[in-house]
């Protein structure tokens, strides 16, 4: 079995962020999901939430923000995004 290196995770994170910033949400989701297979991280779930929001998939976005908060309950940005989506 091939050992996945931290560099692979970092590359996936950077690539996903690039797609997210360029509003290529489907590509961002695909890359972030690959990153999650390496390491479960609150920041990845948060960015998945942003990508799902970009696709107007509000239920999935909420789910991702909640998962982010399970891993880091004091993550203000995820709390803010979740509050905004609950108001809608």
PDB file of N, CA and C in Angstrom:
ATOM      1  N   UNK A   1       0.841  -1.181   0.000  1.00  0.00           N
ATOM      2  CA  UNK A   1       0.000   0.000   0.000  1.00  0.00           C
ATOM      3  C   UNK A   1       0.894   1.254   0.000  1.00  0.00           C
ATOM      4  N   UNK A   2       0.565   2.175  -0.872  1.00  0.00           N
ATOM      5  CA  UNK A   2       1.357   3.404  -0.986  1.00  0.00           C
ATOM      6  C   UNK A   2       1.082   4.314   0.207  1.00  0.00           C
ATOM      7  N   UNK A   3       2.142   4.773   0.813  1.00  0.00           N
ATOM      8  CA  UNK A   3       2.003   5.708   1.927  1.00  0.00           C
ATOM      9  C   UNK A   3       1.782   7.108   1.358  1.00  0.00           C
ATOM     10  N   UNK A   4       0.775   7.761   1.867  1.00  0.00           N
ATOM     11  CA  UNK A   4       0.474   9.114   1.398  1.00  0.00           C
ATOM     12  C   UNK A   4       1.249  10.101   2.258  1.00  0.00           C
ATOM     13  N   UNK A   5       1.920  10.992   1.597  1.00  0.00           N
ATOM     14  CA  UNK A   5       2.771  11.953   2.285  1.00  0.00           C
ATOM     15  C   UNK A   5       1.995  13.220   2.624  1.00  0.00           C
ATOM     16  N   UNK A   6       2.520  13.931   3.608  1.00  0.00           N
ATOM     17  CA  UNK A   6       1.936  15.212   3.993  1.00  0.00           C
ATOM     18  C   UNK A   6       1.924  16.169   2.801  1.00  0.00           C
ATOM     19  N   UNK A   7       2.939  16.065   1.944  1.00  0.00           N
ATOM     20  CA  UNK A   7       2.995  16.940   0.769  1.00  0.00           C
ATOM     21  C   UNK A   7       1.790  16.698  -0.141  1.00  0.00           C
ATOM     22  N   UNK A   8       1.367  15.432  -0.244  1.00  0.00           N
ATOM     23  CA  UNK A   8       0.197  15.117  -1.063  1.00  0.00           C
ATOM     24  C   UNK A   8      -1.035  15.829  -0.512  1.00  0.00           C
ATOM     25  N   UNK A   9      -1.191  15.779   0.796  1.00  0.00           N
ATOM     26  CA  UNK A   9      -2.316  16.445   1.447  1.00  0.00           C
ATOM     27  C   UNK A   9      -2.244  17.951   1.205  1.00  0.00           C
ATOM     28  N   UNK A  10      -1.072  18.520   1.412  1.00  0.00           N
ATOM     29  CA  UNK A  10      -0.895  19.964   1.211  1.00  0.00           C
ATOM     30  C   UNK A  10      -1.189  20.365  -0.233  1.00  0.00           C
ATOM     31  N   UNK A  11      -0.752  19.546  -1.178  1.00  0.00           N
ATOM     32  CA  UNK A  11      -1.022  19.821  -2.595  1.00  0.00           C
ATOM     33  C   UNK A  11      -2.523  19.782  -2.880  1.00  0.00           C
ATOM     34  N   UNK A  12      -3.199  18.791  -2.315  1.00  0.00           N
ATOM     35  CA  UNK A  12      -4.650  18.696  -2.511  1.00  0.00           C
ATOM     36  C   UNK A  12      -5.354  19.903  -1.901  1.00  0.00           C
ATOM     37  N   UNK A  13      -4.934  20.291  -0.715  1.00  0.00           N
ATOM     38  CA  UNK A  13      -5.528  21.447  -0.048  1.00  0.00           C
ATOM     39  C   UNK A  13      -5.348  22.703  -0.899  1.00  0.00           C
ATOM     40  N   UNK A  14      -4.149  22.908  -1.393  1.00  0.00           N
ATOM     41  CA  UNK A  14      -3.858  24.085  -2.216  1.00  0.00           C
ATOM     42  C   UNK A  14      -4.655  24.057  -3.526  1.00  0.00           C
ATOM     43  N   UNK A  15      -4.727  22.895  -4.151  1.00  0.00           N
ATOM     44  CA  UNK A  15      -5.482  22.762  -5.401  1.00  0.00           C
ATOM     45  C   UNK A  15      -6.964  23.018  -5.166  1.00  0.00           C
ATOM     46  N   UNK A  16      -7.499  22.460  -4.095  1.00  0.00           N
ATOM     47  CA  UNK A  16      -8.906  22.675  -3.765  1.00  0.00           C
ATOM     48  C   UNK A  16      -9.207  24.142  -3.517  1.00  0.00           C
ATOM     49  N   UNK A  17      -8.307  24.812  -2.811  1.00  0.00           N
ATOM     50  CA  UNK A  17      -8.492  26.238  -2.543  1.00  0.00           C
ATOM     51  C   UNK A  17      -8.447  27.048  -3.837  1.00  0.00           C
ATOM     52  N   UNK A  18      -7.566  26.662  -4.745  1.00  0.00           N
ATOM     53  CA  UNK A  18      -7.493  27.331  -6.047  1.00  0.00           C
ATOM     54  C   UNK A  18      -8.832  27.203  -6.777  1.00  0.00           C
ATOM     55  N   UNK A  19      -9.355  25.981  -6.836  1.00  0.00           N
ATOM     56  CA  UNK A  19     -10.647  25.768  -7.498  1.00  0.00           C
ATOM     57  C   UNK A  19     -11.755  26.559  -6.811  1.00  0.00           C
ATOM     58  N   UNK A  20     -11.751  26.553  -5.492  1.00  0.00           N
ATOM     59  CA  UNK A  20     -12.780  27.265  -4.740  1.00  0.00           C
ATOM     60  C   UNK A  20     -12.739  28.764  -5.045  1.00  0.00           C
ATOM     61  N   UNK A  21     -11.553  29.340  -5.015  1.00  0.00           N
ATOM     62  CA  UNK A  21     -11.411  30.776  -5.282  1.00  0.00           C
ATOM     63  C   UNK A  21     -11.816  31.145  -6.707  1.00  0.00           C
ATOM     64  N   UNK A  22     -11.660  30.193  -7.623  1.00  0.00           N
ATOM     65  CA  UNK A  22     -12.022  30.435  -9.016  1.00  0.00           C
ATOM     66  C   UNK A  22     -13.430  29.951  -9.360  1.00  0.00           C
ATOM     67  N   UNK A  23     -14.187  29.639  -8.320  1.00  0.00           N
ATOM     68  CA  UNK A  23     -15.596  29.239  -8.443  1.00  0.00           C
ATOM     69  C   UNK A  23     -15.797  27.968  -9.264  1.00  0.00           C
ATOM     70  N   UNK A  24     -14.787  27.109  -9.267  1.00  0.00           N
ATOM     71  CA  UNK A  24     -14.908  25.774  -9.865  1.00  0.00           C
ATOM     72  C   UNK A  24     -15.290  24.821  -8.734  1.00  0.00           C
ATOM     73  N   UNK A  25     -16.542  24.955  -8.286  1.00  0.00           N
ATOM     74  CA  UNK A  25     -16.972  24.294  -7.058  1.00  0.00           C
ATOM     75  C   UNK A  25     -16.960  22.771  -7.144  1.00  0.00           C
ATOM     76  N   UNK A  26     -17.380  22.215  -8.262  1.00  0.00           N
ATOM     77  CA  UNK A  26     -17.404  20.752  -8.387  1.00  0.00           C
ATOM     78  C   UNK A  26     -15.995  20.175  -8.303  1.00  0.00           C
ATOM     79  N   UNK A  27     -15.050  20.828  -8.956  1.00  0.00           N
ATOM     80  CA  UNK A  27     -13.666  20.377  -8.899  1.00  0.00           C
ATOM     81  C   UNK A  27     -13.113  20.510  -7.482  1.00  0.00           C
ATOM     82  N   UNK A  28     -13.454  21.620  -6.824  1.00  0.00           N
ATOM     83  CA  UNK A  28     -13.000  21.832  -5.446  1.00  0.00           C
ATOM     84  C   UNK A  28     -13.516  20.718  -4.538  1.00  0.00           C
ATOM     85  N   UNK A  29     -14.780  20.369  -4.690  1.00  0.00           N
ATOM     86  CA  UNK A  29     -15.372  19.311  -3.865  1.00  0.00           C
ATOM     87  C   UNK A  29     -14.649  17.991  -4.082  1.00  0.00           C
ATOM     88  N   UNK A  30     -14.388  17.672  -5.320  1.00  0.00           N
ATOM     89  CA  UNK A  30     -13.691  16.421  -5.642  1.00  0.00           C
ATOM     90  C   UNK A  30     -12.313  16.371  -4.972  1.00  0.00           C
ATOM     91  N   UNK A  31     -11.580  17.459  -5.060  1.00  0.00           N
ATOM     92  CA  UNK A  31     -10.231  17.513  -4.491  1.00  0.00           C
ATOM     93  C   UNK A  31     -10.282  17.492  -2.958  1.00  0.00           C
ATOM     94  N   UNK A  32     -11.191  18.253  -2.367  1.00  0.00           N
ATOM     95  CA  UNK A  32     -11.299  18.268  -0.907  1.00  0.00           C
ATOM     96  C   UNK A  32     -11.698  16.896  -0.363  1.00  0.00           C
ATOM     97  N   UNK A  33     -12.552  16.183  -1.075  1.00  0.00           N
ATOM     98  CA  UNK A  33     -12.927  14.833  -0.633  1.00  0.00           C
ATOM     99  C   UNK A  33     -11.723  13.898  -0.651  1.00  0.00           C
ATOM    100  N   UNK A  34     -10.855  14.058  -1.641  1.00  0.00           N
ATOM    101  CA  UNK A  34      -9.621  13.258  -1.674  1.00  0.00           C
ATOM    102  C   UNK A  34      -8.744  13.598  -0.473  1.00  0.00           C
ATOM    103  N   UNK A  35      -8.663  14.875  -0.147  1.00  0.00           N
ATOM    104  CA  UNK A  35      -7.859  15.296   1.008  1.00  0.00           C
ATOM    105  C   UNK A  35      -8.393  14.680   2.298  1.00  0.00           C
ATOM    106  N   UNK A  36      -9.712  14.556   2.406  1.00  0.00           N
ATOM    107  CA  UNK A  36     -10.306  13.958   3.605  1.00  0.00           C
ATOM    108  C   UNK A  36      -9.935  12.489   3.767  1.00  0.00           C
ATOM    109  N   UNK A  37      -9.615  11.816   2.675  1.00  0.00           N
ATOM    110  CA  UNK A  37      -9.202  10.416   2.790  1.00  0.00           C
ATOM    111  C   UNK A  37      -7.810  10.304   3.411  1.00  0.00           C
ATOM    112  N   UNK A  38      -7.068  11.403   3.389  1.00  0.00           N
ATOM    113  CA  UNK A  38      -5.733  11.430   3.982  1.00  0.00           C
ATOM    114  C   UNK A  38      -5.812  11.877   5.436  1.00  0.00           C
ATOM    115  N   UNK A  39      -6.596  12.931   5.667  1.00  0.00           N
ATOM    116  CA  UNK A  39      -6.661  13.518   7.006  1.00  0.00           C
ATOM    117  C   UNK A  39      -8.014  14.193   7.187  1.00  0.00           C
ATOM    118  N   UNK A  40      -8.683  13.856   8.286  1.00  0.00           N
ATOM    119  CA  UNK A  40      -9.949  14.522   8.601  1.00  0.00           C
ATOM    120  C   UNK A  40      -9.608  15.846   9.272  1.00  0.00           C
ATOM    121  N   UNK A  41     -10.033  16.931   8.654  1.00  0.00           N
ATOM    122  CA  UNK A  41      -9.628  18.256   9.107  1.00  0.00           C
ATOM    123  C   UNK A  41     -10.830  19.201   9.065  1.00  0.00           C
ATOM    124  N   UNK A  42     -10.988  19.971  10.137  1.00  0.00           N
ATOM    125  CA  UNK A  42     -12.103  20.915  10.206  1.00  0.00           C
ATOM    126  C   UNK A  42     -12.077  21.908   9.052  1.00  0.00           C
ATOM    127  N   UNK A  43     -10.890  22.302   8.611  1.00  0.00           N
ATOM    128  CA  UNK A  43     -10.768  23.291   7.545  1.00  0.00           C
ATOM    129  C   UNK A  43     -11.251  22.739   6.200  1.00  0.00           C
ATOM    130  N   UNK A  44     -11.015  21.464   5.966  1.00  0.00           N
ATOM    131  CA  UNK A  44     -11.493  20.843   4.725  1.00  0.00           C
ATOM    132  C   UNK A  44     -13.017  20.818   4.719  1.00  0.00           C
ATOM    133  N   UNK A  45     -13.608  20.435   5.845  1.00  0.00           N
ATOM    134  CA  UNK A  45     -15.074  20.421   5.915  1.00  0.00           C
ATOM    135  C   UNK A  45     -15.639  21.831   5.703  1.00  0.00           C
ATOM    136  N   UNK A  46     -14.983  22.819   6.278  1.00  0.00           N
ATOM    137  CA  UNK A  46     -15.426  24.203   6.096  1.00  0.00           C
ATOM    138  C   UNK A  46     -15.375  24.596   4.621  1.00  0.00           C
ATOM    139  N   UNK A  47     -14.282  24.270   3.966  1.00  0.00           N
ATOM    140  CA  UNK A  47     -14.145  24.637   2.560  1.00  0.00           C
ATOM    141  C   UNK A  47     -15.113  23.848   1.677  1.00  0.00           C
ATOM    142  N   UNK A  48     -15.395  22.611   2.071  1.00  0.00           N
ATOM    143  CA  UNK A  48     -16.445  21.860   1.363  1.00  0.00           C
ATOM    144  C   UNK A  48     -17.782  22.579   1.517  1.00  0.00           C
ATOM    145  N   UNK A  49     -18.039  23.093   2.705  1.00  0.00           N
ATOM    146  CA  UNK A  49     -19.266  23.857   2.930  1.00  0.00           C
ATOM    147  C   UNK A  49     -19.352  25.060   2.006  1.00  0.00           C
ATOM    148  N   UNK A  50     -18.251  25.777   1.861  1.00  0.00           N
ATOM    149  CA  UNK A  50     -18.230  26.932   0.958  1.00  0.00           C
ATOM    150  C   UNK A  50     -18.505  26.507  -0.483  1.00  0.00           C
ATOM    151  N   UNK A  51     -17.906  25.391  -0.888  1.00  0.00           N
ATOM    152  CA  UNK A  51     -18.101  24.907  -2.261  1.00  0.00           C
ATOM    153  C   UNK A  51     -19.555  24.492  -2.487  1.00  0.00           C
ATOM    154  N   UNK A  52     -20.128  23.772  -1.531  1.00  0.00           N
ATOM    155  CA  UNK A  52     -21.538  23.386  -1.672  1.00  0.00           C
ATOM    156  C   UNK A  52     -22.446  24.615  -1.673  1.00  0.00           C
ATOM    157  N   UNK A  53     -22.095  25.604  -0.874  1.00  0.00           N
ATOM    158  CA  UNK A  53     -22.857  26.856  -0.898  1.00  0.00           C
ATOM    159  C   UNK A  53     -22.788  27.491  -2.280  1.00  0.00           C
ATOM    160  N   UNK A  54     -21.609  27.462  -2.874  1.00  0.00           N
ATOM    161  CA  UNK A  54     -21.428  28.014  -4.214  1.00  0.00           C
ATOM    162  C   UNK A  54     -22.297  27.325  -5.245  1.00  0.00           C
ATOM    163  N   UNK A  55     -22.573  26.042  -5.022  1.00  0.00           N
ATOM    164  CA  UNK A  55     -23.456  25.282  -5.922  1.00  0.00           C
ATOM    165  C   UNK A  55     -24.917  25.378  -5.494  1.00  0.00           C
ATOM    166  N   UNK A  56     -25.175  26.160  -4.450  1.00  0.00           N
ATOM    167  CA  UNK A  56     -26.519  26.336  -3.906  1.00  0.00           C
ATOM    168  C   UNK A  56     -27.089  25.029  -3.338  1.00  0.00           C
ATOM    169  N   UNK A  57     -26.198  24.176  -2.844  1.00  0.00           N
ATOM    170  CA  UNK A  57     -26.602  22.928  -2.186  1.00  0.00           C
ATOM    171  C   UNK A  57     -26.527  23.170  -0.676  1.00  0.00           C
ATOM    172  N   UNK A  58     -27.547  23.882  -0.194  1.00  0.00           N
ATOM    173  CA  UNK A  58     -27.544  24.402   1.169  1.00  0.00           C
ATOM    174  C   UNK A  58     -27.507  23.291   2.222  1.00  0.00           C
ATOM    175  N   UNK A  59     -28.261  22.226   2.026  1.00  0.00           N
ATOM    176  CA  UNK A  59     -28.273  21.140   3.016  1.00  0.00           C
ATOM    177  C   UNK A  59     -26.890  20.513   3.174  1.00  0.00           C
ATOM    178  N   UNK A  60     -26.218  20.289   2.054  1.00  0.00           N
ATOM    179  CA  UNK A  60     -24.868  19.713   2.114  1.00  0.00           C
ATOM    180  C   UNK A  60     -23.890  20.701   2.748  1.00  0.00           C
ATOM    181  N   UNK A  61     -24.063  21.983   2.445  1.00  0.00           N
ATOM    182  CA  UNK A  61     -23.198  23.004   3.045  1.00  0.00           C
ATOM    183  C   UNK A  61     -23.360  23.004   4.563  1.00  0.00           C
ATOM    184  N   UNK A  62     -24.600  22.969   5.033  1.00  0.00           N
ATOM    185  CA  UNK A  62     -24.850  22.930   6.481  1.00  0.00           C
ATOM    186  C   UNK A  62     -24.173  21.719   7.118  1.00  0.00           C
ATOM    187  N   UNK A  63     -24.320  20.576   6.462  1.00  0.00           N
ATOM    188  CA  UNK A  63     -23.719  19.339   6.978  1.00  0.00           C
ATOM    189  C   UNK A  63     -22.201  19.480   7.113  1.00  0.00           C
ATOM    190  N   UNK A  64     -21.570  20.085   6.120  1.00  0.00           N
ATOM    191  CA  UNK A  64     -20.116  20.257   6.160  1.00  0.00           C
ATOM    192  C   UNK A  64     -19.703  21.232   7.268  1.00  0.00           C
ATOM    193  N   UNK A  65     -20.455  22.318   7.436  1.00  0.00           N
ATOM    194  CA  UNK A  65     -20.139  23.263   8.512  1.00  0.00           C
ATOM    195  C   UNK A  65     -20.296  22.593   9.871  1.00  0.00           C
ATOM    196  N   UNK A  66     -21.324  21.761  10.017  1.00  0.00           N
ATOM    197  CA  UNK A  66     -21.518  21.042  11.288  1.00  0.00           C
ATOM    198  C   UNK A  66     -20.361  20.085  11.557  1.00  0.00           C
ATOM    199  N   UNK A  67     -19.903  19.390  10.515  1.00  0.00           N
ATOM    200  CA  UNK A  67     -18.764  18.476  10.689  1.00  0.00           C
ATOM    201  C   UNK A  67     -17.507  19.256  11.069  1.00  0.00           C
ATOM    202  N   UNK A  68     -17.338  20.419  10.471  1.00  0.00           N
ATOM    203  CA  UNK A  68     -16.206  21.269  10.817  1.00  0.00           C
ATOM    204  C   UNK A  68     -16.259  21.643  12.300  1.00  0.00           C
ATOM    205  N   UNK A  69     -17.450  21.988  12.767  1.00  0.00           N
ATOM    206  CA  UNK A  69     -17.618  22.394  14.162  1.00  0.00           C
ATOM    207  C   UNK A  69     -17.501  21.225  15.134  1.00  0.00           C
ATOM    208  N   UNK A  70     -17.804  20.019  14.683  1.00  0.00           N
ATOM    209  CA  UNK A  70     -17.589  18.843  15.540  1.00  0.00           C
ATOM    210  C   UNK A  70     -16.101  18.686  15.850  1.00  0.00           C
ATOM    211  N   UNK A  71     -15.268  18.978  14.862  1.00  0.00           N
ATOM    212  CA  UNK A  71     -13.820  18.840  15.036  1.00  0.00           C
ATOM    213  C   UNK A  71     -13.196  20.045  15.735  1.00  0.00           C
ATOM    214  N   UNK A  72     -13.808  21.213  15.538  1.00  0.00           N
ATOM    215  CA  UNK A  72     -13.279  22.441  16.158  1.00  0.00           C
ATOM    216  C   UNK A  72     -14.468  23.329  16.540  1.00  0.00           C
ATOM    217  N   UNK A  73     -15.050  23.073  17.715  1.00  0.00           N
ATOM    218  CA  UNK A  73     -16.276  23.775  18.127  1.00  0.00           C
ATOM    219  C   UNK A  73     -16.163  25.298  18.184  1.00  0.00           C
ATOM    220  N   UNK A  74     -14.967  25.823  18.374  1.00  0.00           N
ATOM    221  CA  UNK A  74     -14.807  27.277  18.480  1.00  0.00           C
ATOM    222  C   UNK A  74     -14.402  27.937  17.154  1.00  0.00           C
ATOM    223  N   UNK A  75     -14.637  27.254  16.050  1.00  0.00           N
ATOM    224  CA  UNK A  75     -14.273  27.796  14.733  1.00  0.00           C
ATOM    225  C   UNK A  75     -15.340  28.803  14.298  1.00  0.00           C
ATOM    226  N   UNK A  76     -15.041  30.076  14.516  1.00  0.00           N
ATOM    227  CA  UNK A  76     -16.013  31.151  14.307  1.00  0.00           C
ATOM    228  C   UNK A  76     -16.551  31.233  12.884  1.00  0.00           C
ATOM    229  N   UNK A  77     -15.680  31.052  11.902  1.00  0.00           N
ATOM    230  CA  UNK A  77     -16.124  31.187  10.508  1.00  0.00           C
ATOM    231  C   UNK A  77     -17.210  30.165  10.171  1.00  0.00           C
ATOM    232  N   UNK A  78     -17.033  28.927  10.611  1.00  0.00           N
ATOM    233  CA  UNK A  78     -18.048  27.895  10.349  1.00  0.00           C
ATOM    234  C   UNK A  78     -19.339  28.232  11.085  1.00  0.00           C
ATOM    235  N   UNK A  79     -19.218  28.730  12.313  1.00  0.00           N
ATOM    236  CA  UNK A  79     -20.409  29.146  13.062  1.00  0.00           C
ATOM    237  C   UNK A  79     -21.166  30.250  12.337  1.00  0.00           C
ATOM    238  N   UNK A  80     -20.442  31.225  11.818  1.00  0.00           N
ATOM    239  CA  UNK A  80     -21.073  32.337  11.094  1.00  0.00           C
ATOM    240  C   UNK A  80     -21.794  31.848   9.841  1.00  0.00           C
ATOM    241  N   UNK A  81     -21.126  30.999   9.062  1.00  0.00           N
ATOM    242  CA  UNK A  81     -21.741  30.491   7.821  1.00  0.00           C
ATOM    243  C   UNK A  81     -22.979  29.660   8.147  1.00  0.00           C
ATOM    244  N   UNK A  82     -22.878  28.820   9.172  1.00  0.00           N
ATOM    245  CA  UNK A  82     -24.010  27.985   9.559  1.00  0.00           C
ATOM    246  C   UNK A  82     -25.174  28.848  10.023  1.00  0.00           C
ATOM    247  N   UNK A  83     -24.899  29.867  10.820  1.00  0.00           N
ATOM    248  CA  UNK A  83     -25.953  30.785  11.267  1.00  0.00           C
ATOM    249  C   UNK A  83     -26.643  31.448  10.083  1.00  0.00           C
ATOM    250  N   UNK A  84     -25.862  31.875   9.101  1.00  0.00           N
ATOM    251  CA  UNK A  84     -26.441  32.510   7.908  1.00  0.00           C
ATOM    252  C   UNK A  84     -27.360  31.550   7.163  1.00  0.00           C
ATOM    253  N   UNK A  85     -26.935  30.300   7.034  1.00  0.00           N
ATOM    254  CA  UNK A  85     -27.738  29.322   6.291  1.00  0.00           C
ATOM    255  C   UNK A  85     -28.987  28.916   7.052  1.00  0.00           C
ATOM    256  N   UNK A  86     -28.912  28.914   8.367  1.00  0.00           N
ATOM    257  CA  UNK A  86     -30.085  28.564   9.170  1.00  0.00           C
ATOM    258  C   UNK A  86     -31.140  29.658   9.044  1.00  0.00           C
ATOM    259  N   UNK A  87     -30.703  30.901   8.898  1.00  0.00           N
ATOM    260  CA  UNK A  87     -31.633  32.028   8.758  1.00  0.00           C
ATOM    261  C   UNK A  87     -32.395  31.987   7.439  1.00  0.00           C
ATOM    262  N   UNK A  88     -31.788  31.351   6.419  1.00  0.00           N
ATOM    263  CA  UNK A  88     -32.413  31.331   5.085  1.00  0.00           C
ATOM    264  C   UNK A  88     -33.614  30.414   5.049  1.00  0.00           C
TER     265      UNK A  88
END
